N, C-alpha and C. Protein backbone atom coordinates (compact mmCIF):
# COMPACT_ATOMS: atom_id res chain seq x y z
N MET A 1 -0.03 -15.54 2.95
CA MET A 1 1.00 -14.65 3.48
C MET A 1 0.39 -13.77 4.56
N ALA A 2 1.18 -13.45 5.54
CA ALA A 2 0.74 -12.60 6.64
C ALA A 2 0.84 -11.13 6.23
N GLN A 3 0.08 -10.29 6.92
CA GLN A 3 0.08 -8.86 6.63
C GLN A 3 0.71 -8.09 7.78
N TYR A 4 1.45 -7.04 7.41
CA TYR A 4 2.18 -6.23 8.38
C TYR A 4 2.05 -4.75 8.02
N ALA A 5 2.10 -3.90 9.03
CA ALA A 5 2.22 -2.46 8.83
C ALA A 5 3.68 -2.09 9.03
N VAL A 6 4.22 -1.32 8.11
CA VAL A 6 5.56 -0.77 8.25
C VAL A 6 5.37 0.72 8.50
N LEU A 7 5.56 1.14 9.75
CA LEU A 7 5.38 2.53 10.15
C LEU A 7 6.69 3.27 9.96
N ILE A 8 6.64 4.39 9.27
CA ILE A 8 7.84 5.13 8.90
C ILE A 8 7.96 6.38 9.78
N PHE A 9 9.06 6.45 10.54
CA PHE A 9 9.32 7.58 11.42
C PHE A 9 10.54 8.34 10.91
N GLU A 10 10.44 9.66 10.88
CA GLU A 10 11.55 10.52 10.45
C GLU A 10 11.68 11.71 11.38
N ARG A 11 12.88 12.20 11.51
CA ARG A 11 13.12 13.46 12.20
C ARG A 11 13.14 14.62 11.20
N VAL A 12 13.27 14.29 9.93
CA VAL A 12 13.35 15.29 8.87
C VAL A 12 11.94 15.55 8.33
N PRO A 13 11.50 16.81 8.26
CA PRO A 13 10.17 17.10 7.69
C PRO A 13 10.10 16.63 6.24
N PRO A 14 8.92 16.17 5.79
CA PRO A 14 8.79 15.65 4.42
C PRO A 14 9.29 16.62 3.35
N GLU A 15 9.04 17.91 3.54
CA GLU A 15 9.47 18.88 2.52
C GLU A 15 10.98 19.02 2.46
N ASP A 16 11.70 18.54 3.49
CA ASP A 16 13.16 18.62 3.50
C ASP A 16 13.84 17.31 3.11
N LEU A 17 13.04 16.28 2.80
CA LEU A 17 13.64 15.01 2.39
C LEU A 17 14.26 15.16 1.00
N PRO A 18 15.44 14.59 0.80
CA PRO A 18 16.07 14.66 -0.53
C PRO A 18 15.18 14.02 -1.59
N GLU A 19 15.27 14.54 -2.79
CA GLU A 19 14.45 14.05 -3.91
C GLU A 19 14.68 12.56 -4.16
N ASP A 20 15.92 12.08 -4.02
CA ASP A 20 16.19 10.66 -4.28
C ASP A 20 15.51 9.78 -3.23
N VAL A 21 15.34 10.26 -2.00
CA VAL A 21 14.65 9.48 -0.97
C VAL A 21 13.17 9.34 -1.34
N MET A 22 12.57 10.44 -1.78
CA MET A 22 11.16 10.38 -2.19
C MET A 22 10.99 9.44 -3.39
N ARG A 23 11.92 9.49 -4.32
CA ARG A 23 11.87 8.59 -5.47
C ARG A 23 11.96 7.14 -5.02
N ARG A 24 12.86 6.85 -4.06
CA ARG A 24 13.03 5.48 -3.57
C ARG A 24 11.79 5.01 -2.82
N HIS A 25 11.08 5.92 -2.14
CA HIS A 25 9.80 5.53 -1.53
C HIS A 25 8.82 5.08 -2.60
N GLY A 26 8.79 5.80 -3.73
CA GLY A 26 7.92 5.43 -4.83
C GLY A 26 8.27 4.10 -5.47
N GLU A 27 9.55 3.74 -5.41
CA GLU A 27 10.02 2.47 -5.99
C GLU A 27 9.88 1.30 -5.02
N LEU A 28 9.54 1.58 -3.78
CA LEU A 28 9.51 0.53 -2.76
C LEU A 28 8.59 -0.65 -3.11
N PRO A 29 7.38 -0.44 -3.66
CA PRO A 29 6.56 -1.60 -4.02
C PRO A 29 7.27 -2.58 -4.95
N ASP A 30 7.99 -2.06 -5.94
CA ASP A 30 8.70 -2.94 -6.88
C ASP A 30 9.85 -3.66 -6.17
N ARG A 31 10.56 -2.95 -5.32
CA ARG A 31 11.69 -3.56 -4.60
C ARG A 31 11.21 -4.66 -3.66
N ILE A 32 10.07 -4.43 -3.01
CA ILE A 32 9.50 -5.45 -2.12
C ILE A 32 9.04 -6.66 -2.92
N ALA A 33 8.41 -6.42 -4.07
CA ALA A 33 7.96 -7.52 -4.93
C ALA A 33 9.14 -8.37 -5.40
N GLU A 34 10.26 -7.72 -5.70
CA GLU A 34 11.46 -8.46 -6.12
C GLU A 34 11.95 -9.40 -5.03
N GLN A 35 11.63 -9.10 -3.77
CA GLN A 35 12.06 -9.92 -2.64
C GLN A 35 10.97 -10.89 -2.17
N GLY A 36 9.90 -11.04 -2.97
CA GLY A 36 8.86 -12.01 -2.67
C GLY A 36 7.74 -11.51 -1.77
N GLY A 37 7.68 -10.21 -1.52
CA GLY A 37 6.59 -9.64 -0.73
C GLY A 37 5.66 -8.85 -1.63
N ARG A 38 4.70 -8.18 -1.00
CA ARG A 38 3.75 -7.37 -1.78
C ARG A 38 3.30 -6.19 -0.95
N VAL A 39 3.28 -5.00 -1.56
CA VAL A 39 2.73 -3.82 -0.91
C VAL A 39 1.23 -3.80 -1.20
N ILE A 40 0.44 -3.77 -0.14
CA ILE A 40 -1.02 -3.69 -0.27
C ILE A 40 -1.45 -2.23 -0.43
N ALA A 41 -0.81 -1.34 0.34
CA ALA A 41 -1.13 0.08 0.29
C ALA A 41 0.04 0.87 0.86
N GLY A 42 0.14 2.09 0.45
CA GLY A 42 1.13 3.01 1.01
C GLY A 42 0.48 4.37 1.18
N LEU A 43 0.64 4.92 2.37
CA LEU A 43 0.00 6.19 2.68
C LEU A 43 0.98 7.12 3.37
N ALA A 44 1.05 8.37 2.91
CA ALA A 44 1.81 9.40 3.60
C ALA A 44 0.84 10.19 4.47
N LEU A 45 1.33 10.70 5.59
CA LEU A 45 0.50 11.48 6.49
C LEU A 45 0.82 12.97 6.33
N GLU A 46 -0.19 13.80 6.54
CA GLU A 46 0.03 15.24 6.59
C GLU A 46 0.93 15.53 7.78
N PRO A 47 1.54 16.72 7.85
CA PRO A 47 2.45 17.05 8.97
C PRO A 47 1.75 16.95 10.33
N PRO A 48 2.53 16.72 11.40
CA PRO A 48 1.95 16.53 12.73
C PRO A 48 1.08 17.70 13.20
N GLU A 49 1.39 18.91 12.77
CA GLU A 49 0.59 20.04 13.23
C GLU A 49 -0.84 20.00 12.71
N THR A 50 -1.14 19.12 11.74
CA THR A 50 -2.50 18.98 11.23
C THR A 50 -3.29 17.95 12.03
N ALA A 51 -2.63 17.28 12.97
CA ALA A 51 -3.27 16.21 13.74
C ALA A 51 -4.22 16.77 14.79
N THR A 52 -5.20 15.98 15.13
CA THR A 52 -6.06 16.22 16.28
C THR A 52 -5.96 14.97 17.15
N ALA A 53 -5.51 15.14 18.39
CA ALA A 53 -5.30 14.01 19.29
C ALA A 53 -6.46 13.92 20.27
N ILE A 54 -6.91 12.70 20.55
CA ILE A 54 -7.99 12.45 21.49
C ILE A 54 -7.46 11.53 22.57
N ARG A 55 -7.56 11.96 23.82
CA ARG A 55 -7.19 11.15 24.98
C ARG A 55 -8.33 11.27 25.96
N GLY A 56 -9.21 10.26 25.97
CA GLY A 56 -10.39 10.34 26.82
C GLY A 56 -11.26 11.50 26.38
N GLU A 57 -11.53 12.44 27.28
CA GLU A 57 -12.33 13.62 26.97
C GLU A 57 -11.48 14.78 26.45
N LEU A 58 -10.15 14.64 26.52
CA LEU A 58 -9.24 15.71 26.12
C LEU A 58 -9.04 15.68 24.61
N LEU A 59 -9.25 16.82 23.97
CA LEU A 59 -9.07 16.97 22.52
C LEU A 59 -8.09 18.10 22.30
N THR A 60 -6.98 17.82 21.59
CA THR A 60 -5.97 18.85 21.35
C THR A 60 -5.62 18.91 19.87
N ASP A 61 -5.27 20.11 19.41
CA ASP A 61 -4.75 20.27 18.05
C ASP A 61 -3.28 19.95 18.06
N GLY A 62 -2.81 19.33 17.00
CA GLY A 62 -1.41 18.95 16.93
C GLY A 62 -1.17 17.63 17.64
N PRO A 63 0.06 17.15 17.58
CA PRO A 63 0.37 15.86 18.21
C PRO A 63 0.24 15.96 19.72
N PHE A 64 -0.19 14.88 20.35
CA PHE A 64 -0.39 14.86 21.79
C PHE A 64 0.93 14.89 22.53
N ILE A 65 1.91 14.16 22.01
CA ILE A 65 3.21 14.07 22.65
C ILE A 65 4.26 14.63 21.70
N GLU A 66 5.10 15.51 22.20
CA GLU A 66 6.19 16.04 21.37
C GLU A 66 7.31 14.99 21.30
N THR A 67 7.71 14.64 20.11
CA THR A 67 8.79 13.69 19.92
C THR A 67 9.73 14.23 18.85
N LYS A 68 10.92 13.68 18.81
CA LYS A 68 11.87 14.08 17.77
C LYS A 68 11.56 13.38 16.45
N GLU A 69 11.05 12.16 16.54
CA GLU A 69 10.67 11.43 15.33
C GLU A 69 9.17 11.55 15.14
N VAL A 70 8.75 11.71 13.90
CA VAL A 70 7.35 11.88 13.57
C VAL A 70 6.91 10.75 12.65
N LEU A 71 5.72 10.21 12.91
CA LEU A 71 5.16 9.20 12.02
C LEU A 71 4.79 9.90 10.72
N GLY A 72 5.47 9.52 9.65
CA GLY A 72 5.29 10.19 8.37
C GLY A 72 4.44 9.42 7.38
N GLY A 73 4.33 8.11 7.58
CA GLY A 73 3.56 7.31 6.65
C GLY A 73 3.58 5.85 7.04
N VAL A 74 2.89 5.06 6.24
CA VAL A 74 2.77 3.64 6.52
C VAL A 74 2.63 2.88 5.20
N PHE A 75 3.29 1.75 5.15
CA PHE A 75 3.07 0.79 4.08
C PHE A 75 2.41 -0.43 4.70
N LEU A 76 1.41 -0.97 4.04
CA LEU A 76 0.83 -2.25 4.44
C LEU A 76 1.38 -3.28 3.47
N ILE A 77 2.01 -4.32 4.01
CA ILE A 77 2.69 -5.30 3.16
C ILE A 77 2.23 -6.71 3.49
N GLU A 78 2.47 -7.61 2.57
CA GLU A 78 2.32 -9.04 2.80
C GLU A 78 3.71 -9.66 2.75
N ALA A 79 3.97 -10.54 3.73
CA ALA A 79 5.27 -11.21 3.82
C ALA A 79 5.04 -12.62 4.33
N ARG A 80 6.03 -13.48 4.10
CA ARG A 80 5.91 -14.88 4.52
C ARG A 80 5.79 -15.01 6.04
N ASP A 81 6.56 -14.20 6.77
CA ASP A 81 6.57 -14.25 8.23
C ASP A 81 7.22 -12.97 8.74
N LEU A 82 7.36 -12.85 10.06
CA LEU A 82 7.92 -11.63 10.64
C LEU A 82 9.35 -11.37 10.16
N ASP A 83 10.17 -12.41 10.09
CA ASP A 83 11.54 -12.22 9.61
C ASP A 83 11.57 -11.65 8.20
N HIS A 84 10.70 -12.16 7.34
CA HIS A 84 10.61 -11.67 5.97
C HIS A 84 10.12 -10.22 5.97
N ALA A 85 9.11 -9.91 6.80
CA ALA A 85 8.59 -8.54 6.89
C ALA A 85 9.67 -7.57 7.34
N VAL A 86 10.49 -7.97 8.31
CA VAL A 86 11.58 -7.12 8.78
C VAL A 86 12.59 -6.89 7.65
N ALA A 87 12.92 -7.94 6.92
CA ALA A 87 13.86 -7.79 5.81
C ALA A 87 13.29 -6.83 4.75
N LEU A 88 11.99 -6.93 4.47
CA LEU A 88 11.37 -6.03 3.50
C LEU A 88 11.33 -4.60 4.03
N ALA A 89 11.04 -4.44 5.32
CA ALA A 89 10.98 -3.10 5.92
C ALA A 89 12.34 -2.41 5.88
N ARG A 90 13.41 -3.18 5.93
CA ARG A 90 14.75 -2.60 5.85
C ARG A 90 15.02 -1.93 4.51
N LEU A 91 14.19 -2.20 3.51
CA LEU A 91 14.33 -1.56 2.19
C LEU A 91 13.80 -0.13 2.20
N THR A 92 13.09 0.27 3.25
CA THR A 92 12.50 1.60 3.34
C THR A 92 13.59 2.65 3.45
N PRO A 93 13.58 3.66 2.57
CA PRO A 93 14.60 4.71 2.66
C PRO A 93 14.31 5.64 3.83
N ILE A 94 15.28 5.77 4.74
CA ILE A 94 15.16 6.61 5.92
C ILE A 94 16.35 7.55 5.96
N VAL A 95 16.11 8.83 6.25
CA VAL A 95 17.19 9.80 6.36
C VAL A 95 17.69 9.85 7.80
N ASP A 96 16.80 10.11 8.75
CA ASP A 96 17.18 10.22 10.16
C ASP A 96 16.00 9.76 11.01
N GLY A 97 15.79 8.48 11.06
CA GLY A 97 14.66 7.93 11.80
C GLY A 97 14.70 6.42 11.75
N GLY A 98 13.57 5.80 11.57
CA GLY A 98 13.51 4.35 11.52
C GLY A 98 12.13 3.87 11.11
N VAL A 99 11.97 2.57 11.11
CA VAL A 99 10.69 1.96 10.79
C VAL A 99 10.30 1.01 11.92
N GLU A 100 9.02 0.79 12.05
CA GLU A 100 8.48 -0.16 13.02
C GLU A 100 7.61 -1.13 12.25
N VAL A 101 7.75 -2.42 12.50
CA VAL A 101 6.97 -3.45 11.83
C VAL A 101 5.98 -4.03 12.83
N ARG A 102 4.70 -4.05 12.45
CA ARG A 102 3.67 -4.62 13.33
C ARG A 102 2.78 -5.56 12.53
N PRO A 103 2.52 -6.75 13.07
CA PRO A 103 1.55 -7.64 12.42
C PRO A 103 0.17 -7.01 12.45
N LEU A 104 -0.59 -7.24 11.39
CA LEU A 104 -1.97 -6.74 11.31
C LEU A 104 -2.94 -7.83 11.73
N VAL A 105 -3.98 -7.44 12.42
CA VAL A 105 -5.06 -8.34 12.80
C VAL A 105 -6.27 -7.89 12.01
N GLY A 106 -6.81 -8.76 11.19
CA GLY A 106 -7.93 -8.39 10.35
C GLY A 106 -9.24 -8.40 11.09
N PHE A 107 -10.20 -7.61 10.58
CA PHE A 107 -11.56 -7.62 11.10
C PHE A 107 -12.48 -7.28 9.95
N GLN A 108 -13.73 -7.66 10.12
CA GLN A 108 -14.70 -7.43 9.06
C GLN A 108 -15.54 -6.21 9.41
N VAL A 109 -15.69 -5.31 8.44
CA VAL A 109 -16.54 -4.14 8.62
C VAL A 109 -17.94 -4.52 8.14
N LEU A 110 -18.91 -4.38 9.02
CA LEU A 110 -20.29 -4.71 8.68
C LEU A 110 -21.01 -3.47 8.18
N GLU A 111 -21.77 -3.63 7.11
CA GLU A 111 -22.55 -2.52 6.56
C GLU A 111 -24.00 -2.66 6.97
N ASP A 112 -24.69 -1.54 7.09
CA ASP A 112 -26.13 -1.58 7.39
C ASP A 112 -26.90 -2.16 6.22
N GLY A 113 -27.90 -2.91 6.57
CA GLY A 113 -28.86 -3.31 5.68
C GLY A 113 -28.94 -4.25 4.69
């Protein structure tokens, strides 16, 4: 099975998301498994104001670009193909935003010694 990142964008701050939406995020691995996929990992991000952006030599606190939608988290999933990954990504509970699906390209991390 191929691997994909499902990037979750919201306009609503995490602390303002309804409790049922947060519960549905927690249930997402089971819902994806029921549809023949698999969640490899799921990660929520701290708020954008905690970010440090690097652009060449420029280092700034907070997000580099102001946007209405904020990247709030990511699920790494396995799916049969892109169409299947998109169908699985549609299960993501969103209040006022969307998701982006991207194929993952693997690489090997080499350790010293």
